[in-house]
Structures are given as C-alpha cells and as structure tokens.
Amino acid sequence: MTLGNSWSYAPNDHYKSARRIVHMLVDIVAKGGNYLLNVGPDANGELPTEAVARLAEIGAWMRINDDAIYSTRPVAPYRDAKSCFTRAKDGAIYAIYLLDEGEVLPEMIELKDVLPPTGATIRLLGSDIELKWQRNGPGVRIAFPEAVRNQASGSYAVSLRISTTTPRTKQSGI
C-alpha cells in the first residue's frame, strides 16, 4: 500500500492519515498478513516532509502498541465490530479497539467470543492499571476508568492485553 496516492514521488501528493494507516495495519495483522507501506522519495532521494511527519505519527502509536502487532498470530474471530484480535506467543490475546476520528474511548466495551478465564488480567498497553471486566454471555465487558480514558485521548486505536484467555471458537491451536 502507498502512503500517498502514487507509488512514486508525486509533488503535492495527498497522504493517508496516520489513523487510516494504523487501522489498515491492525486489520491486516489480525488476519495474518504483512503490511508493506510505500513512500516515494523525490529526485534527491529524500522523503517529503509531510510523509516523514505521517510516519512519525504512526511510529508514536507503534511505540505503545507494538506488542499487539509484532510476533503475533491471527486468532478467530479476527474482528468483532471495532475490535481486531491477535495472539502473542505466550497465549495472551490482544484486542485492538479502533477509534474513529474524534471518538473518545467509551466507558465500557464488549468483546464477543473472547472469554477470559477466572484470574485473567486485562490491561491497556501503555498503562499499569488493571481493568475491571466481567463475563457477559459468550464474551466479556471491559470497563475503562476515567484515567485510562484520558490517557487514550486522541489515539487511533488502543490495545488491550488479555492474559491467559481461552477463545471460544471451533478452531483451536491457532
């Protein structure tokens, strides 16, 4: 995928927003794919200032959320409404909640088909606060205290690490 509209340098190219790139990255990784992002350098071999700024924004998000992306594997159900899922080598599941432009992290989200066992912990990456959760039918409800919601303000997506989970799927061993 290209950061702009062109595969090569184009003066005044229109660059995709960092939010859009992060959302595409999360969706692709949750399905087991790899994401190669193209940025065309100018005739001097330099990247346009706007492209560099956009890459810095994406890098800032990755510094907090990289554990939910790197060295993960897909896990069904892959996506549930605004959440995408990946699995770490230690079995933890990451639920990456995609925030729309101007959206504030809600007080509570519900994840279907992900049932943490008794004693599991849920934390927002970049935070030390253990989140309160409760089982809800075939899934889980997760509450976000105000401090966590404020911390996530302006983010493109937030990643939740759910330890020792048992996904409710017909497939196992993914």
C-alpha atoms as a PDB file:
ATOM      1  CA  MET A   1       0.000   0.000   0.000  1.00  0.00           C
ATOM      2  CA  THR A   2       1.177   3.531  -0.609  1.00  0.00           C
ATOM      3  CA  LEU A   3       1.274   6.286   1.991  1.00  0.00           C
ATOM      4  CA  GLY A   4       0.165   8.718  -0.714  1.00  0.00           C
ATOM      5  CA  ASN A   5      -1.806   8.178  -3.899  1.00  0.00           C
ATOM      6  CA  SER A   6       1.227   7.375  -6.066  1.00  0.00           C
ATOM      7  CA  TRP A   7       3.760   4.533  -5.997  1.00  0.00           C
ATOM      8  CA  SER A   8       6.478   7.014  -6.893  1.00  0.00           C
ATOM      9  CA  TYR A   9       7.188  10.600  -5.886  1.00  0.00           C
ATOM     10  CA  ALA A  10       4.412  12.993  -6.886  1.00  0.00           C
ATOM     11  CA  PRO A  11       4.635  16.668  -5.941  1.00  0.00           C
ATOM     12  CA  ASN A  12       1.800  17.653  -3.572  1.00  0.00           C
ATOM     13  CA  ASP A  13       0.681  14.036  -3.170  1.00  0.00           C
ATOM     14  CA  HIS A  14      -2.226  13.504  -0.775  1.00  0.00           C
ATOM     15  CA  TYR A  15      -1.108  11.295   2.135  1.00  0.00           C
ATOM     16  CA  LYS A  16      -3.359   8.943   4.041  1.00  0.00           C
ATOM     17  CA  SER A  17      -3.945   9.854   7.672  1.00  0.00           C
ATOM     18  CA  ALA A  18      -1.978   8.065  10.392  1.00  0.00           C
ATOM     19  CA  ARG A  19      -5.326   6.811  11.733  1.00  0.00           C
ATOM     20  CA  ARG A  20      -6.174   5.199   8.396  1.00  0.00           C
ATOM     21  CA  ILE A  21      -2.735   3.563   8.121  1.00  0.00           C
ATOM     22  CA  VAL A  22      -2.906   2.243  11.710  1.00  0.00           C
ATOM     23  CA  HIS A  23      -6.421   0.855  11.128  1.00  0.00           C
ATOM     24  CA  MET A  24      -5.299  -0.882   7.927  1.00  0.00           C
ATOM     25  CA  LEU A  25      -2.207  -2.281   9.678  1.00  0.00           C
ATOM     26  CA  VAL A  26      -4.277  -3.676  12.548  1.00  0.00           C
ATOM     27  CA  ASP A  27      -6.857  -5.247  10.215  1.00  0.00           C
ATOM     28  CA  ILE A  28      -4.165  -6.880   8.051  1.00  0.00           C
ATOM     29  CA  VAL A  29      -2.130  -8.230  11.002  1.00  0.00           C
ATOM     30  CA  ALA A  30      -5.285  -9.597  12.669  1.00  0.00           C
ATOM     31  CA  LYS A  31      -5.879 -11.668   9.527  1.00  0.00           C
ATOM     32  CA  GLY A  32      -2.300 -12.969   9.497  1.00  0.00           C
ATOM     33  CA  GLY A  33      -0.968 -10.636   6.826  1.00  0.00           C
ATOM     34  CA  ASN A  34       2.049  -8.376   6.467  1.00  0.00           C
ATOM     35  CA  TYR A  35       1.843  -4.704   5.605  1.00  0.00           C
ATOM     36  CA  LEU A  36       4.403  -3.058   3.330  1.00  0.00           C
ATOM     37  CA  LEU A  37       3.986   0.713   3.206  1.00  0.00           C
ATOM     38  CA  ASN A  38       5.487   2.518   0.212  1.00  0.00           C
ATOM     39  CA  VAL A  39       6.727   6.108   0.331  1.00  0.00           C
ATOM     40  CA  GLY A  40       8.222   7.514  -2.854  1.00  0.00           C
ATOM     41  CA  PRO A  41      11.368   9.655  -2.437  1.00  0.00           C
ATOM     42  CA  ASP A  42      11.870  12.779  -4.536  1.00  0.00           C
ATOM     43  CA  ALA A  43      14.573  13.185  -7.229  1.00  0.00           C
ATOM     44  CA  ASN A  44      17.171  13.854  -4.490  1.00  0.00           C
ATOM     45  CA  GLY A  45      16.284  10.619  -2.681  1.00  0.00           C
ATOM     46  CA  GLU A  46      14.583  12.463   0.193  1.00  0.00           C
ATOM     47  CA  LEU A  47      11.162  11.809   1.608  1.00  0.00           C
ATOM     48  CA  PRO A  48       8.658  14.669   1.557  1.00  0.00           C
ATOM     49  CA  THR A  49       8.289  16.490   4.896  1.00  0.00           C
ATOM     50  CA  GLU A  50       4.604  15.584   5.159  1.00  0.00           C
ATOM     51  CA  ALA A  51       5.373  11.890   4.620  1.00  0.00           C
ATOM     52  CA  VAL A  52       8.059  11.955   7.323  1.00  0.00           C
ATOM     53  CA  ALA A  53       5.631  13.637   9.746  1.00  0.00           C
ATOM     54  CA  ARG A  54       2.985  10.983   8.993  1.00  0.00           C
ATOM     55  CA  LEU A  55       5.478   8.171   9.572  1.00  0.00           C
ATOM     56  CA  ALA A  56       6.461   9.764  12.905  1.00  0.00           C
ATOM     57  CA  GLU A  57       2.784   9.754  13.975  1.00  0.00           C
ATOM     58  CA  ILE A  58       2.484   6.071  13.089  1.00  0.00           C
ATOM     59  CA  GLY A  59       5.756   5.352  14.917  1.00  0.00           C
ATOM     60  CA  ALA A  60       4.458   7.069  18.066  1.00  0.00           C
ATOM     61  CA  TRP A  61       1.414   4.762  18.056  1.00  0.00           C
ATOM     62  CA  MET A  62       3.629   1.720  17.418  1.00  0.00           C
ATOM     63  CA  ARG A  63       5.927   2.537  20.371  1.00  0.00           C
ATOM     64  CA  ILE A  64       2.986   1.930  22.706  1.00  0.00           C
ATOM     65  CA  ASN A  65       1.158  -0.817  20.821  1.00  0.00           C
ATOM     66  CA  ASP A  66       3.925  -2.828  19.144  1.00  0.00           C
ATOM     67  CA  ASP A  67       3.376  -5.904  21.348  1.00  0.00           C
ATOM     68  CA  ALA A  68      -0.086  -6.306  19.803  1.00  0.00           C
ATOM     69  CA  ILE A  69       1.413  -6.232  16.282  1.00  0.00           C
ATOM     70  CA  TYR A  70       4.922  -7.751  16.185  1.00  0.00           C
ATOM     71  CA  SER A  71       5.397 -11.538  16.535  1.00  0.00           C
ATOM     72  CA  THR A  72       1.655 -12.125  16.893  1.00  0.00           C
ATOM     73  CA  ARG A  73      -0.586 -14.622  15.161  1.00  0.00           C
ATOM     74  CA  PRO A  74      -4.157 -14.346  13.960  1.00  0.00           C
ATOM     75  CA  VAL A  75      -6.860 -15.649  16.227  1.00  0.00           C
ATOM     76  CA  ALA A  76     -10.507 -16.146  15.341  1.00  0.00           C
ATOM     77  CA  PRO A  77     -12.802 -14.250  15.370  1.00  0.00           C
ATOM     78  CA  TYR A  78     -10.126 -11.871  13.862  1.00  0.00           C
ATOM     79  CA  ARG A  79     -12.506  -8.920  14.114  1.00  0.00           C
ATOM     80  CA  ASP A  80     -15.635  -8.084  16.081  1.00  0.00           C
ATOM     81  CA  ALA A  81     -17.207  -4.720  15.207  1.00  0.00           C
ATOM     82  CA  LYS A  82     -14.488  -2.176  16.095  1.00  0.00           C
ATOM     83  CA  SER A  83     -12.047  -4.654  17.660  1.00  0.00           C
ATOM     84  CA  CYS A  84      -9.402  -6.774  15.937  1.00  0.00           C
ATOM     85  CA  PHE A  85      -7.616  -9.670  17.645  1.00  0.00           C
ATOM     86  CA  THR A  86      -4.080 -11.041  17.655  1.00  0.00           C
ATOM     87  CA  ARG A  87      -2.389 -13.660  19.838  1.00  0.00           C
ATOM     88  CA  ALA A  88       1.038 -13.494  21.462  1.00  0.00           C
ATOM     89  CA  LYS A  89       3.367 -16.484  21.677  1.00  0.00           C
ATOM     90  CA  ASP A  90       2.556 -16.820  25.395  1.00  0.00           C
ATOM     91  CA  GLY A  91      -1.155 -17.255  24.588  1.00  0.00           C
ATOM     92  CA  ALA A  92      -2.284 -13.763  25.598  1.00  0.00           C
ATOM     93  CA  ILE A  93      -4.827 -12.208  23.281  1.00  0.00           C
ATOM     94  CA  TYR A  94      -4.683  -8.608  22.174  1.00  0.00           C
ATOM     95  CA  ALA A  95      -7.943  -6.845  21.427  1.00  0.00           C
ATOM     96  CA  ILE A  96      -7.201  -3.712  19.417  1.00  0.00           C
ATOM     97  CA  TYR A  97     -10.112  -1.293  19.574  1.00  0.00           C
ATOM     98  CA  LEU A  98     -10.216   1.048  16.550  1.00  0.00           C
ATOM     99  CA  LEU A  99     -11.218   4.602  17.407  1.00  0.00           C
ATOM    100  CA  ASP A 100     -12.889   6.838  14.836  1.00  0.00           C
ATOM    101  CA  GLU A 101     -11.776  10.433  14.305  1.00  0.00           C
ATOM    102  CA  GLY A 102     -12.889  12.440  17.353  1.00  0.00           C
ATOM    103  CA  GLU A 103     -14.142   9.343  19.185  1.00  0.00           C
ATOM    104  CA  VAL A 104     -13.385   9.066  22.885  1.00  0.00           C
ATOM    105  CA  LEU A 105     -12.715   5.650  24.389  1.00  0.00           C
ATOM    106  CA  PRO A 106     -16.099   4.598  25.822  1.00  0.00           C
ATOM    107  CA  GLU A 107     -16.612   3.784  29.479  1.00  0.00           C
ATOM    108  CA  MET A 108     -17.155   0.147  28.543  1.00  0.00           C
ATOM    109  CA  ILE A 109     -16.670  -2.122  25.548  1.00  0.00           C
ATOM    110  CA  GLU A 110     -17.964  -5.597  24.906  1.00  0.00           C
ATOM    111  CA  LEU A 111     -15.965  -8.285  23.138  1.00  0.00           C
ATOM    112  CA  LYS A 112     -17.896 -11.267  21.842  1.00  0.00           C
ATOM    113  CA  ASP A 113     -16.406 -14.762  21.699  1.00  0.00           C
ATOM    114  CA  VAL A 114     -13.437 -13.963  23.940  1.00  0.00           C
ATOM    115  CA  LEU A 115     -13.847 -15.472  27.408  1.00  0.00           C
ATOM    116  CA  PRO A 116     -11.021 -14.768  29.835  1.00  0.00           C
ATOM    117  CA  PRO A 117     -10.793 -17.489  32.479  1.00  0.00           C
ATOM    118  CA  THR A 118     -11.106 -16.682  36.159  1.00  0.00           C
ATOM    119  CA  GLY A 119      -7.975 -14.839  37.263  1.00  0.00           C
ATOM    120  CA  ALA A 120      -7.152 -13.383  33.859  1.00  0.00           C
ATOM    121  CA  THR A 121      -5.883  -9.812  33.761  1.00  0.00           C
ATOM    122  CA  ILE A 122      -6.720  -7.152  31.202  1.00  0.00           C
ATOM    123  CA  ARG A 123      -4.530  -4.083  30.723  1.00  0.00           C
ATOM    124  CA  LEU A 124      -4.353  -1.304  28.202  1.00  0.00           C
ATOM    125  CA  LEU A 125      -0.896  -1.210  26.610  1.00  0.00           C
ATOM    126  CA  GLY A 126       0.944   1.827  27.928  1.00  0.00           C
ATOM    127  CA  SER A 127      -0.906   1.694  31.258  1.00  0.00           C
ATOM    128  CA  ASP A 128      -0.264  -0.137  34.524  1.00  0.00           C
ATOM    129  CA  ILE A 129      -3.919  -0.022  35.560  1.00  0.00           C
ATOM    130  CA  GLU A 130      -5.589  -3.429  35.680  1.00  0.00           C
ATOM    131  CA  LEU A 131      -9.007  -3.090  34.065  1.00  0.00           C
ATOM    132  CA  LYS A 132     -12.185  -4.468  35.599  1.00  0.00           C
ATOM    133  CA  TRP A 133     -14.071  -6.966  33.477  1.00  0.00           C
ATOM    134  CA  GLN A 134     -16.970  -9.343  33.700  1.00  0.00           C
ATOM    135  CA  ARG A 135     -18.175 -12.219  31.621  1.00  0.00           C
ATOM    136  CA  ASN A 136     -21.190 -11.449  29.506  1.00  0.00           C
ATOM    137  CA  GLY A 137     -22.714 -14.439  27.756  1.00  0.00           C
ATOM    138  CA  PRO A 138     -20.242 -15.624  25.121  1.00  0.00           C
ATOM    139  CA  GLY A 139     -17.916 -12.680  25.727  1.00  0.00           C
ATOM    140  CA  VAL A 140     -16.653 -10.086  28.124  1.00  0.00           C
ATOM    141  CA  ARG A 141     -17.407  -6.495  29.141  1.00  0.00           C
ATOM    142  CA  ILE A 142     -14.413  -4.329  29.967  1.00  0.00           C
ATOM    143  CA  ALA A 143     -14.701  -1.080  31.924  1.00  0.00           C
ATOM    144  CA  PHE A 144     -12.337   1.857  31.425  1.00  0.00           C
ATOM    145  CA  PRO A 145     -11.824   4.218  34.349  1.00  0.00           C
ATOM    146  CA  GLU A 146     -11.551   7.916  33.588  1.00  0.00           C
ATOM    147  CA  ALA A 147      -7.752   7.916  33.981  1.00  0.00           C
ATOM    148  CA  VAL A 148      -7.410   5.277  31.244  1.00  0.00           C
ATOM    149  CA  ARG A 149      -9.917   7.051  29.008  1.00  0.00           C
ATOM    150  CA  ASN A 150      -7.967  10.303  29.390  1.00  0.00           C
ATOM    151  CA  GLN A 151      -4.693   8.535  28.628  1.00  0.00           C
ATOM    152  CA  ALA A 152      -6.189   7.119  25.391  1.00  0.00           C
ATOM    153  CA  SER A 153      -7.494  10.526  24.305  1.00  0.00           C
ATOM    154  CA  GLY A 154      -6.568  11.288  20.710  1.00  0.00           C
ATOM    155  CA  SER A 155      -5.359   7.769  19.967  1.00  0.00           C
ATOM    156  CA  TYR A 156      -6.072   5.998  16.657  1.00  0.00           C
ATOM    157  CA  ALA A 157      -6.605   2.667  18.404  1.00  0.00           C
ATOM    158  CA  VAL A 158      -5.979   1.158  21.825  1.00  0.00           C
ATOM    159  CA  SER A 159      -4.638  -2.319  22.527  1.00  0.00           C
ATOM    160  CA  LEU A 160      -5.808  -4.489  25.393  1.00  0.00           C
ATOM    161  CA  ARG A 161      -3.672  -7.388  26.597  1.00  0.00           C
ATOM    162  CA  ILE A 162      -5.887 -10.188  27.878  1.00  0.00           C
ATOM    163  CA  SER A 163      -3.776 -12.731  29.742  1.00  0.00           C
ATOM    164  CA  THR A 164      -4.441 -16.461  29.828  1.00  0.00           C
ATOM    165  CA  THR A 165      -7.544 -16.325  27.663  1.00  0.00           C
ATOM    166  CA  THR A 166      -9.436 -19.169  26.095  1.00  0.00           C
ATOM    167  CA  PRO A 167     -11.031 -18.032  22.819  1.00  0.00           C
ATOM    168  CA  ARG A 168     -14.448 -19.505  22.087  1.00  0.00           C
ATOM    169  CA  THR A 169     -14.002 -20.764  18.547  1.00  0.00           C
ATOM    170  CA  LYS A 170     -14.425 -24.024  16.674  1.00  0.00           C
ATOM    171  CA  GLN A 171     -10.783 -23.739  15.605  1.00  0.00           C
ATOM    172  CA  SER A 172      -8.121 -24.439  18.153  1.00  0.00           C
ATOM    173  CA  GLY A 173      -4.386 -24.131  18.246  1.00  0.00           C
ATOM    174  CA  ILE A 174      -4.233 -21.041  16.046  1.00  0.00           C
END
